[in-house]
Amino acid sequence: MKPRRDYDTAKLIDASIAVLRTRGMYVAARMLSEQGIPFATAQRVLRQPSLRRTYGDAVIH
């Protein structure tokens, strides 16, 4: 999978993973949905966060 070029989306995805850990799947998925992230992308990221793309050479934390 290619590295992500959009830093703002990378930060949003990173934040959603943090929300997933503290508030659960529903809240994290809704957060992404409200920001226009396609359902398939949100589902993949939230169900398999270890497989997410990186921004350049580093995961955004």
C-alpha atoms as a PDB file:
ATOM      1  CA  MET A   1       0.000   0.000   0.000  1.00  0.00           C
ATOM      2  CA  LYS A   2       1.350   3.444  -0.902  1.00  0.00           C
ATOM      3  CA  PRO A   3       2.167   5.978   1.815  1.00  0.00           C
ATOM      4  CA  ARG A   4      -0.482   8.616   2.434  1.00  0.00           C
ATOM      5  CA  ARG A   5       0.200  12.059   0.920  1.00  0.00           C
ATOM      6  CA  ASP A   6      -2.584  13.932   2.732  1.00  0.00           C
ATOM      7  CA  TYR A   7      -1.289  14.876   6.196  1.00  0.00           C
ATOM      8  CA  ASP A   8      -4.677  16.148   7.430  1.00  0.00           C
ATOM      9  CA  THR A   9      -6.376  12.850   6.616  1.00  0.00           C
ATOM     10  CA  ALA A  10      -3.511  10.961   8.241  1.00  0.00           C
ATOM     11  CA  LYS A  11      -4.045  12.964  11.444  1.00  0.00           C
ATOM     12  CA  LEU A  12      -7.805  12.306  11.281  1.00  0.00           C
ATOM     13  CA  ILE A  13      -7.280   8.566  10.890  1.00  0.00           C
ATOM     14  CA  ASP A  14      -4.805   8.567  13.766  1.00  0.00           C
ATOM     15  CA  ALA A  15      -7.301  10.430  15.959  1.00  0.00           C
ATOM     16  CA  SER A  16     -10.072   7.987  15.032  1.00  0.00           C
ATOM     17  CA  ILE A  17      -7.914   5.059  16.157  1.00  0.00           C
ATOM     18  CA  ALA A  18      -7.398   6.796  19.501  1.00  0.00           C
ATOM     19  CA  VAL A  19     -11.174   7.346  19.755  1.00  0.00           C
ATOM     20  CA  LEU A  20     -11.743   3.681  18.909  1.00  0.00           C
ATOM     21  CA  ARG A  21      -9.601   2.651  21.872  1.00  0.00           C
ATOM     22  CA  THR A  22     -11.338   4.975  24.338  1.00  0.00           C
ATOM     23  CA  ARG A  23     -14.918   5.357  23.087  1.00  0.00           C
ATOM     24  CA  GLY A  24     -15.532   2.386  20.808  1.00  0.00           C
ATOM     25  CA  MET A  25     -16.214   1.505  17.204  1.00  0.00           C
ATOM     26  CA  TYR A  26     -19.477   3.418  16.792  1.00  0.00           C
ATOM     27  CA  VAL A  27     -18.053   6.772  17.891  1.00  0.00           C
ATOM     28  CA  ALA A  28     -14.872   6.329  15.834  1.00  0.00           C
ATOM     29  CA  ALA A  29     -16.795   5.303  12.710  1.00  0.00           C
ATOM     30  CA  ARG A  30     -19.201   8.201  13.089  1.00  0.00           C
ATOM     31  CA  MET A  31     -16.288  10.622  13.472  1.00  0.00           C
ATOM     32  CA  LEU A  32     -14.786   9.430  10.193  1.00  0.00           C
ATOM     33  CA  SER A  33     -18.134   9.404   8.424  1.00  0.00           C
ATOM     34  CA  GLU A  34     -18.852  12.991   9.430  1.00  0.00           C
ATOM     35  CA  GLN A  35     -15.512  13.988   7.911  1.00  0.00           C
ATOM     36  CA  GLY A  36     -16.338  12.349   4.573  1.00  0.00           C
ATOM     37  CA  ILE A  37     -14.204   9.230   4.870  1.00  0.00           C
ATOM     38  CA  PRO A  38     -15.728   6.444   2.732  1.00  0.00           C
ATOM     39  CA  PHE A  39     -17.301   3.606   4.723  1.00  0.00           C
ATOM     40  CA  ALA A  40     -14.977   0.945   3.281  1.00  0.00           C
ATOM     41  CA  THR A  41     -11.937   2.984   4.318  1.00  0.00           C
ATOM     42  CA  ALA A  42     -13.283   3.640   7.810  1.00  0.00           C
ATOM     43  CA  GLN A  43     -14.115  -0.031   8.245  1.00  0.00           C
ATOM     44  CA  ARG A  44     -10.648  -1.157   7.133  1.00  0.00           C
ATOM     45  CA  VAL A  45      -8.812   1.349   9.299  1.00  0.00           C
ATOM     46  CA  LEU A  46     -10.848   0.741  12.433  1.00  0.00           C
ATOM     47  CA  ARG A  47     -10.902  -3.046  12.179  1.00  0.00           C
ATOM     48  CA  GLN A  48      -7.231  -3.387  11.272  1.00  0.00           C
ATOM     49  CA  PRO A  49      -5.399  -0.293  12.558  1.00  0.00           C
ATOM     50  CA  SER A  50      -2.043  -2.060  12.393  1.00  0.00           C
ATOM     51  CA  LEU A  51      -2.417  -2.236   8.598  1.00  0.00           C
ATOM     52  CA  ARG A  52      -3.025   1.477   8.093  1.00  0.00           C
ATOM     53  CA  ARG A  53      -1.005   3.483   5.653  1.00  0.00           C
ATOM     54  CA  THR A  54       1.712   5.782   6.911  1.00  0.00           C
ATOM     55  CA  TYR A  55       2.417   9.398   6.134  1.00  0.00           C
ATOM     56  CA  GLY A  56       5.694   9.304   4.275  1.00  0.00           C
ATOM     57  CA  ASP A  57       7.903   6.999   6.281  1.00  0.00           C
ATOM     58  CA  ALA A  58       6.309   7.446   9.711  1.00  0.00           C
ATOM     59  CA  VAL A  59       2.964   6.674  11.331  1.00  0.00           C
ATOM     60  CA  ILE A  60       1.339   9.842  12.671  1.00  0.00           C
ATOM     61  CA  HIS A  61       0.842   9.668  16.456  1.00  0.00           C
END
